[in-house]
């Protein structure tokens, strides 16, 4: 009887792990109710801040630690997604994947120093970093959780 219970427990655990479609980073979230980045852009024009879930395609990731990612927007720009309290990181090889993230979005002006730091993290050349001379006002997102699809 103990062997039967053990076997059933193992089968259940295997079934649950194979049934998961996402790898989770940060707080545990689910993909239900996520809006597209295009909808977020529309909401950002109306309200100064947004709280909720968004889904979008990753354009790039910090190649130092995975401490931020850029998500493609419909207007051809990208939105930088950082992680709450620097509390978690995402894999550095997820560019091109459609992820789900939950947290807060707002329009922010990013300083030249911070933009240069991000460019260095992205592996940009010294020449490219030196060309950054103006702050940038953009939509940013602080995520408390991210779901990355499993391969």
N, C-alpha and C. Protein backbone atom coordinates (compact mmCIF):
# COMPACT_ATOMS: atom_id res chain seq x y z
N UNK A 1 0.83 -1.20 0.00
CA UNK A 1 0.00 0.00 0.00
C UNK A 1 0.87 1.26 0.00
N UNK A 2 1.96 1.25 0.79
CA UNK A 2 2.86 2.41 0.83
C UNK A 2 3.50 2.63 -0.54
N UNK A 3 3.86 1.52 -1.20
CA UNK A 3 4.47 1.64 -2.53
C UNK A 3 3.48 2.25 -3.52
N UNK A 4 2.24 1.82 -3.43
CA UNK A 4 1.21 2.34 -4.33
C UNK A 4 1.01 3.83 -4.12
N UNK A 5 0.96 4.27 -2.89
CA UNK A 5 0.81 5.70 -2.58
C UNK A 5 2.02 6.48 -3.07
N UNK A 6 3.21 5.92 -2.88
CA UNK A 6 4.43 6.58 -3.35
C UNK A 6 4.43 6.72 -4.87
N UNK A 7 4.05 5.67 -5.56
CA UNK A 7 4.00 5.71 -7.03
C UNK A 7 2.99 6.74 -7.50
N UNK A 8 1.82 6.77 -6.86
CA UNK A 8 0.80 7.76 -7.24
C UNK A 8 1.29 9.18 -6.99
N UNK A 9 1.97 9.40 -5.89
CA UNK A 9 2.51 10.73 -5.58
C UNK A 9 3.54 11.15 -6.62
N UNK A 10 4.41 10.23 -7.03
CA UNK A 10 5.42 10.53 -8.05
C UNK A 10 4.74 10.85 -9.38
N UNK A 11 3.76 10.04 -9.77
CA UNK A 11 3.06 10.29 -11.03
C UNK A 11 2.34 11.63 -11.02
N UNK A 12 1.75 11.98 -9.91
CA UNK A 12 1.08 13.27 -9.78
C UNK A 12 2.08 14.40 -9.91
N UNK A 13 3.21 14.29 -9.25
CA UNK A 13 4.25 15.34 -9.32
C UNK A 13 4.78 15.49 -10.73
N UNK A 14 5.01 14.39 -11.42
CA UNK A 14 5.49 14.44 -12.80
C UNK A 14 4.44 15.08 -13.70
N UNK A 15 3.19 14.70 -13.52
CA UNK A 15 2.11 15.25 -14.33
C UNK A 15 1.98 16.76 -14.12
N UNK A 16 2.06 17.21 -12.90
CA UNK A 16 1.96 18.64 -12.59
C UNK A 16 3.13 19.40 -13.22
N UNK A 17 4.35 18.88 -13.10
CA UNK A 17 5.50 19.59 -13.65
C UNK A 17 5.46 19.64 -15.16
N UNK A 18 4.98 18.58 -15.83
CA UNK A 18 4.87 18.60 -17.29
C UNK A 18 3.71 19.47 -17.74
N UNK A 19 2.70 19.67 -16.89
CA UNK A 19 1.55 20.47 -17.26
C UNK A 19 1.81 21.97 -17.20
N UNK A 20 2.87 22.40 -16.55
CA UNK A 20 3.16 23.81 -16.44
C UNK A 20 3.70 24.33 -17.77
N UNK A 21 3.17 25.46 -18.21
CA UNK A 21 3.58 26.04 -19.47
C UNK A 21 4.63 27.13 -19.29
N UNK A 22 4.78 27.61 -18.07
CA UNK A 22 5.67 28.74 -17.80
C UNK A 22 6.65 28.43 -16.68
N UNK A 23 7.78 29.10 -16.76
CA UNK A 23 8.73 29.14 -15.66
C UNK A 23 8.48 30.47 -14.96
N UNK A 24 8.41 30.47 -13.65
CA UNK A 24 8.04 31.66 -12.89
C UNK A 24 9.26 32.29 -12.22
N UNK A 25 9.31 33.63 -12.26
CA UNK A 25 10.38 34.38 -11.61
C UNK A 25 9.73 35.46 -10.76
N UNK A 26 10.26 35.68 -9.55
CA UNK A 26 9.66 36.65 -8.64
C UNK A 26 8.43 36.06 -7.99
N UNK A 27 7.45 36.92 -7.73
CA UNK A 27 6.20 36.44 -7.12
C UNK A 27 5.47 35.51 -8.08
N UNK A 28 4.76 34.57 -7.52
CA UNK A 28 3.98 33.64 -8.34
C UNK A 28 2.78 34.40 -8.92
N UNK A 29 2.66 34.36 -10.23
CA UNK A 29 1.53 34.99 -10.91
C UNK A 29 0.97 33.98 -11.90
N UNK A 30 -0.20 34.29 -12.47
CA UNK A 30 -0.75 33.44 -13.52
C UNK A 30 -1.02 34.34 -14.73
N UNK A 31 -1.13 33.76 -15.91
CA UNK A 31 -1.26 34.57 -17.13
C UNK A 31 -2.66 35.14 -17.36
N UNK A 32 -3.63 34.69 -16.60
CA UNK A 32 -5.01 35.11 -16.83
C UNK A 32 -5.18 36.63 -16.67
N UNK A 33 -5.87 37.22 -17.62
CA UNK A 33 -6.19 38.64 -17.53
C UNK A 33 -5.10 39.58 -17.99
N UNK A 34 -4.02 39.07 -18.55
CA UNK A 34 -2.94 39.95 -19.03
C UNK A 34 -3.40 40.71 -20.27
N UNK A 35 -3.03 41.99 -20.34
CA UNK A 35 -3.35 42.79 -21.51
C UNK A 35 -2.12 42.88 -22.42
N UNK A 36 -2.35 43.16 -23.67
CA UNK A 36 -1.25 43.31 -24.63
C UNK A 36 -0.54 44.65 -24.41
N UNK A 37 0.70 44.74 -24.86
CA UNK A 37 1.45 45.99 -24.73
C UNK A 37 0.74 47.13 -25.46
N UNK A 38 0.04 46.84 -26.54
CA UNK A 38 -0.69 47.89 -27.27
C UNK A 38 -1.78 48.49 -26.40
N UNK A 39 -2.46 47.65 -25.60
CA UNK A 39 -3.48 48.15 -24.68
C UNK A 39 -2.85 48.96 -23.55
N UNK A 40 -1.67 48.55 -23.12
CA UNK A 40 -0.97 49.30 -22.07
C UNK A 40 -0.61 50.69 -22.59
N UNK A 41 -0.15 50.77 -23.83
CA UNK A 41 0.18 52.08 -24.42
C UNK A 41 -1.03 53.00 -24.40
N UNK A 42 -2.19 52.46 -24.75
CA UNK A 42 -3.42 53.26 -24.76
C UNK A 42 -3.78 53.72 -23.35
N UNK A 43 -3.68 52.82 -22.38
CA UNK A 43 -4.00 53.17 -21.00
C UNK A 43 -3.04 54.21 -20.44
N UNK A 44 -1.76 54.12 -20.83
CA UNK A 44 -0.74 55.05 -20.33
C UNK A 44 -1.01 56.48 -20.78
N UNK A 45 -1.68 56.64 -21.92
CA UNK A 45 -2.01 57.98 -22.42
C UNK A 45 -3.13 58.61 -21.61
N UNK A 46 -3.92 57.77 -20.94
CA UNK A 46 -5.09 58.25 -20.20
C UNK A 46 -4.80 58.40 -18.71
N UNK A 47 -4.06 57.45 -18.14
CA UNK A 47 -3.79 57.47 -16.70
C UNK A 47 -2.28 57.54 -16.46
N UNK A 48 -1.87 58.21 -15.40
CA UNK A 48 -0.44 58.35 -15.14
C UNK A 48 0.24 57.07 -14.66
N UNK A 49 -0.54 56.12 -14.15
CA UNK A 49 0.05 54.88 -13.66
C UNK A 49 -0.91 53.72 -13.96
N UNK A 50 -0.34 52.53 -14.12
CA UNK A 50 -1.13 51.34 -14.40
C UNK A 50 -0.63 50.23 -13.50
N UNK A 51 -1.56 49.47 -12.94
CA UNK A 51 -1.19 48.30 -12.15
C UNK A 51 -1.93 47.10 -12.71
N UNK A 52 -1.18 46.04 -13.05
CA UNK A 52 -1.81 44.85 -13.59
C UNK A 52 -0.84 43.96 -14.33
N UNK A 53 -1.40 43.10 -15.19
CA UNK A 53 -0.61 42.12 -15.95
C UNK A 53 -0.55 42.51 -17.41
N UNK A 54 0.62 42.30 -17.99
CA UNK A 54 0.85 42.63 -19.39
C UNK A 54 1.56 41.46 -20.05
N UNK A 55 1.31 41.27 -21.34
CA UNK A 55 2.04 40.27 -22.11
C UNK A 55 2.69 40.97 -23.30
N UNK A 56 3.92 40.56 -23.59
CA UNK A 56 4.65 41.16 -24.70
C UNK A 56 5.87 40.34 -25.07
N UNK A 57 6.46 40.71 -26.20
CA UNK A 57 7.64 40.01 -26.72
C UNK A 57 8.90 40.69 -26.21
N UNK A 58 9.81 39.90 -25.67
CA UNK A 58 11.07 40.42 -25.16
C UNK A 58 11.98 40.78 -26.33
N UNK A 59 12.48 42.02 -26.33
CA UNK A 59 13.40 42.48 -27.36
C UNK A 59 14.85 42.19 -26.94
N UNK A 60 15.16 42.46 -25.66
CA UNK A 60 16.51 42.20 -25.15
C UNK A 60 16.47 42.07 -23.63
N UNK A 61 17.57 41.54 -23.09
CA UNK A 61 17.70 41.31 -21.65
C UNK A 61 19.08 41.77 -21.21
N UNK A 62 19.19 42.28 -20.00
CA UNK A 62 20.49 42.63 -19.43
C UNK A 62 21.40 41.41 -19.52
N UNK A 63 22.55 41.58 -20.17
CA UNK A 63 23.46 40.46 -20.35
C UNK A 63 24.44 40.30 -19.20
N UNK A 64 24.36 41.18 -18.20
CA UNK A 64 25.20 41.03 -17.01
C UNK A 64 24.58 40.02 -16.06
N UNK A 65 23.29 40.24 -15.69
CA UNK A 65 22.63 39.35 -14.72
C UNK A 65 21.21 38.95 -15.09
N UNK A 66 20.63 39.60 -16.09
CA UNK A 66 19.20 39.38 -16.35
C UNK A 66 18.37 40.26 -15.43
N UNK A 67 18.91 41.43 -15.05
CA UNK A 67 18.24 42.29 -14.07
C UNK A 67 17.25 43.27 -14.69
N UNK A 68 17.07 43.28 -16.00
CA UNK A 68 16.02 44.02 -16.69
C UNK A 68 15.79 43.38 -18.04
N UNK A 69 14.67 43.72 -18.64
CA UNK A 69 14.40 43.28 -20.01
C UNK A 69 13.69 44.42 -20.72
N UNK A 70 13.80 44.44 -22.03
CA UNK A 70 13.06 45.40 -22.85
C UNK A 70 12.01 44.61 -23.61
N UNK A 71 10.78 45.14 -23.58
CA UNK A 71 9.66 44.50 -24.25
C UNK A 71 9.23 45.38 -25.42
N UNK A 72 8.96 44.76 -26.57
CA UNK A 72 8.57 45.49 -27.77
C UNK A 72 7.19 46.12 -27.59
N UNK A 73 7.08 47.36 -28.09
CA UNK A 73 5.81 48.07 -28.10
C UNK A 73 5.36 48.21 -29.55
N UNK A 74 4.08 48.47 -29.76
CA UNK A 74 3.53 48.56 -31.11
C UNK A 74 4.09 49.74 -31.91
N UNK A 75 4.52 50.80 -31.21
CA UNK A 75 5.01 51.98 -31.92
C UNK A 75 6.47 51.85 -32.37
N UNK A 76 7.04 50.65 -32.21
CA UNK A 76 8.42 50.43 -32.61
C UNK A 76 9.42 50.68 -31.50
N UNK A 77 8.98 51.26 -30.42
CA UNK A 77 9.84 51.51 -29.27
C UNK A 77 9.87 50.27 -28.37
N UNK A 78 10.62 50.36 -27.29
CA UNK A 78 10.63 49.30 -26.28
C UNK A 78 10.31 49.90 -24.92
N UNK A 79 9.84 49.05 -24.03
CA UNK A 79 9.58 49.46 -22.65
C UNK A 79 10.52 48.66 -21.75
N UNK A 80 11.25 49.38 -20.92
CA UNK A 80 12.15 48.71 -19.98
C UNK A 80 11.34 48.17 -18.81
N UNK A 81 11.56 46.89 -18.50
CA UNK A 81 10.92 46.24 -17.37
C UNK A 81 12.02 45.89 -16.38
N UNK A 82 11.93 46.48 -15.19
CA UNK A 82 12.86 46.13 -14.12
C UNK A 82 12.10 45.28 -13.11
N UNK A 83 12.81 44.78 -12.11
CA UNK A 83 12.20 43.84 -11.19
C UNK A 83 12.20 44.39 -9.78
N UNK A 84 11.05 44.29 -9.14
CA UNK A 84 10.79 44.90 -7.83
C UNK A 84 11.91 44.63 -6.84
N UNK A 85 12.42 45.71 -6.28
CA UNK A 85 13.46 45.66 -5.25
C UNK A 85 14.71 44.90 -5.68
N UNK A 86 14.93 44.80 -7.01
CA UNK A 86 16.09 44.06 -7.53
C UNK A 86 16.09 42.64 -6.95
N UNK A 87 14.85 42.14 -6.72
CA UNK A 87 14.67 40.90 -5.97
C UNK A 87 14.77 39.61 -6.77
N UNK A 88 14.78 39.69 -8.10
CA UNK A 88 14.89 38.49 -8.91
C UNK A 88 15.41 38.88 -10.29
N UNK A 89 15.82 37.90 -11.04
CA UNK A 89 16.34 38.11 -12.38
C UNK A 89 15.67 37.13 -13.33
N UNK A 90 15.76 37.41 -14.62
CA UNK A 90 15.22 36.50 -15.63
C UNK A 90 16.38 35.92 -16.44
N UNK A 91 16.17 34.83 -17.15
CA UNK A 91 17.24 34.26 -17.97
C UNK A 91 17.69 35.26 -19.05
N UNK A 92 18.96 35.23 -19.37
CA UNK A 92 19.52 36.18 -20.33
C UNK A 92 19.25 35.80 -21.78
N UNK A 93 18.66 34.64 -22.01
CA UNK A 93 18.45 34.15 -23.37
C UNK A 93 16.97 34.10 -23.78
N UNK A 94 16.15 35.01 -23.28
CA UNK A 94 14.72 34.94 -23.57
C UNK A 94 14.27 35.94 -24.64
N UNK A 95 15.19 36.62 -25.30
CA UNK A 95 14.79 37.54 -26.38
C UNK A 95 13.98 36.77 -27.41
N UNK A 96 12.89 37.39 -27.86
CA UNK A 96 12.01 36.76 -28.84
C UNK A 96 10.85 36.00 -28.23
N UNK A 97 10.89 35.75 -26.93
CA UNK A 97 9.80 35.00 -26.28
C UNK A 97 8.71 35.96 -25.81
N UNK A 98 7.49 35.47 -25.81
CA UNK A 98 6.35 36.25 -25.31
C UNK A 98 6.17 35.92 -23.84
N UNK A 99 6.34 36.92 -22.99
CA UNK A 99 6.29 36.73 -21.54
C UNK A 99 5.06 37.44 -20.97
N UNK A 100 4.74 37.09 -19.74
CA UNK A 100 3.69 37.75 -18.98
C UNK A 100 4.35 38.32 -17.73
N UNK A 101 4.03 39.59 -17.42
CA UNK A 101 4.61 40.19 -16.22
C UNK A 101 3.55 41.03 -15.52
N UNK A 102 3.66 41.08 -14.20
CA UNK A 102 2.68 41.80 -13.39
C UNK A 102 3.39 42.82 -12.52
N UNK A 103 2.79 43.99 -12.39
CA UNK A 103 3.38 45.04 -11.56
C UNK A 103 2.79 46.39 -11.91
N UNK A 104 3.67 47.40 -11.98
CA UNK A 104 3.23 48.78 -12.17
C UNK A 104 3.97 49.45 -13.32
N UNK A 105 3.21 50.16 -14.15
CA UNK A 105 3.79 50.93 -15.25
C UNK A 105 3.58 52.41 -14.99
N UNK A 106 4.53 53.21 -15.43
CA UNK A 106 4.37 54.66 -15.37
C UNK A 106 5.33 55.29 -16.37
N UNK A 107 5.04 56.52 -16.72
CA UNK A 107 5.94 57.27 -17.59
C UNK A 107 7.01 57.90 -16.71
N UNK A 108 8.25 57.73 -17.12
CA UNK A 108 9.39 58.16 -16.30
C UNK A 108 10.45 58.80 -17.20
N UNK A 109 11.15 59.78 -16.66
CA UNK A 109 12.30 60.34 -17.36
C UNK A 109 13.55 59.66 -16.80
N UNK A 110 14.29 59.00 -17.69
CA UNK A 110 15.49 58.27 -17.31
C UNK A 110 16.71 59.15 -17.59
N UNK A 111 17.57 59.30 -16.59
CA UNK A 111 18.74 60.17 -16.70
C UNK A 111 19.76 59.62 -17.69
N UNK A 112 20.66 60.48 -18.14
CA UNK A 112 21.73 60.09 -19.05
C UNK A 112 22.60 59.02 -18.40
N UNK A 113 22.95 59.22 -17.12
CA UNK A 113 23.79 58.23 -16.43
C UNK A 113 23.14 56.86 -16.39
N UNK A 114 21.84 56.83 -16.09
CA UNK A 114 21.13 55.55 -16.02
C UNK A 114 21.03 54.91 -17.41
N UNK A 115 20.75 55.72 -18.43
CA UNK A 115 20.69 55.20 -19.80
C UNK A 115 22.04 54.62 -20.23
N UNK A 116 23.12 55.30 -19.85
CA UNK A 116 24.46 54.80 -20.18
C UNK A 116 24.73 53.48 -19.46
N UNK A 117 24.31 53.41 -18.20
CA UNK A 117 24.48 52.17 -17.43
C UNK A 117 23.74 51.01 -18.12
N UNK A 118 22.51 51.26 -18.53
CA UNK A 118 21.74 50.22 -19.23
C UNK A 118 22.42 49.81 -20.53
N UNK A 119 22.96 50.79 -21.26
CA UNK A 119 23.64 50.49 -22.52
C UNK A 119 24.86 49.61 -22.27
N UNK A 120 25.60 49.90 -21.20
CA UNK A 120 26.76 49.06 -20.85
C UNK A 120 26.31 47.65 -20.50
N UNK A 121 25.22 47.54 -19.71
CA UNK A 121 24.67 46.22 -19.35
C UNK A 121 24.25 45.43 -20.58
N UNK A 122 23.81 46.14 -21.61
CA UNK A 122 23.36 45.48 -22.84
C UNK A 122 24.52 45.11 -23.75
N UNK A 123 25.74 45.47 -23.34
CA UNK A 123 26.91 45.11 -24.13
C UNK A 123 27.23 46.08 -25.25
N UNK A 124 26.71 47.31 -25.18
CA UNK A 124 26.98 48.31 -26.20
C UNK A 124 28.44 48.75 -26.12
N UNK A 125 28.97 49.20 -27.26
CA UNK A 125 30.37 49.66 -27.31
C UNK A 125 30.51 51.00 -26.58
N UNK A 126 31.73 51.37 -26.25
CA UNK A 126 32.00 52.65 -25.58
C UNK A 126 31.53 53.81 -26.45
N UNK A 127 31.67 53.67 -27.76
CA UNK A 127 31.23 54.72 -28.68
C UNK A 127 29.72 54.90 -28.63
N UNK A 128 28.99 53.77 -28.60
CA UNK A 128 27.53 53.84 -28.53
C UNK A 128 27.08 54.44 -27.21
N UNK A 129 27.75 54.08 -26.13
CA UNK A 129 27.41 54.62 -24.81
C UNK A 129 27.66 56.12 -24.78
N UNK A 130 28.78 56.57 -25.37
CA UNK A 130 29.13 57.99 -25.37
C UNK A 130 28.13 58.84 -26.16
N UNK A 131 27.42 58.24 -27.11
CA UNK A 131 26.43 58.97 -27.91
C UNK A 131 25.17 59.30 -27.13
N UNK A 132 25.00 58.73 -25.96
CA UNK A 132 23.82 59.01 -25.13
C UNK A 132 24.08 60.31 -24.38
N UNK A 133 23.38 61.36 -24.79
CA UNK A 133 23.62 62.68 -24.21
C UNK A 133 22.36 63.36 -23.70
N UNK A 134 21.20 62.74 -23.90
CA UNK A 134 19.93 63.34 -23.49
C UNK A 134 19.14 62.36 -22.64
N UNK A 135 18.47 62.86 -21.58
CA UNK A 135 17.57 61.98 -20.84
C UNK A 135 16.42 61.55 -21.75
N UNK A 136 15.73 60.48 -21.37
CA UNK A 136 14.65 59.96 -22.21
C UNK A 136 13.40 59.77 -21.35
N UNK A 137 12.28 60.30 -21.84
CA UNK A 137 11.00 60.10 -21.17
C UNK A 137 10.31 58.94 -21.86
N UNK A 138 9.98 57.93 -21.07
CA UNK A 138 9.44 56.70 -21.65
C UNK A 138 8.56 55.97 -20.65
N UNK A 139 7.78 55.05 -21.16
CA UNK A 139 6.96 54.18 -20.33
C UNK A 139 7.88 53.10 -19.74
N UNK A 140 7.84 52.93 -18.44
CA UNK A 140 8.64 51.91 -17.76
C UNK A 140 7.72 51.03 -16.92
N UNK A 141 8.23 49.88 -16.53
CA UNK A 141 7.42 48.91 -15.79
C UNK A 141 8.29 48.29 -14.70
N UNK A 142 7.75 48.22 -13.48
CA UNK A 142 8.41 47.51 -12.40
C UNK A 142 7.57 46.26 -12.12
N UNK A 143 8.15 45.10 -12.43
CA UNK A 143 7.42 43.84 -12.30
C UNK A 143 7.69 43.20 -10.95
N UNK A 144 6.64 42.61 -10.37
CA UNK A 144 6.85 41.82 -9.16
C UNK A 144 6.87 40.33 -9.47
N UNK A 145 6.49 39.97 -10.70
CA UNK A 145 6.54 38.59 -11.14
C UNK A 145 6.56 38.50 -12.65
N UNK A 146 7.24 37.48 -13.18
CA UNK A 146 7.35 37.28 -14.62
C UNK A 146 7.15 35.80 -14.93
N UNK A 147 6.42 35.53 -16.00
CA UNK A 147 6.26 34.16 -16.50
C UNK A 147 6.93 34.08 -17.86
N UNK A 148 7.84 33.11 -18.00
CA UNK A 148 8.55 32.87 -19.25
C UNK A 148 8.13 31.51 -19.76
N UNK A 149 7.69 31.42 -21.03
CA UNK A 149 7.26 30.11 -21.53
C UNK A 149 8.41 29.11 -21.52
N UNK A 150 8.05 27.89 -21.16
CA UNK A 150 9.04 26.80 -21.21
C UNK A 150 9.26 26.40 -22.65
N UNK A 151 10.45 25.94 -22.96
CA UNK A 151 10.76 25.55 -24.35
C UNK A 151 9.94 24.39 -24.81
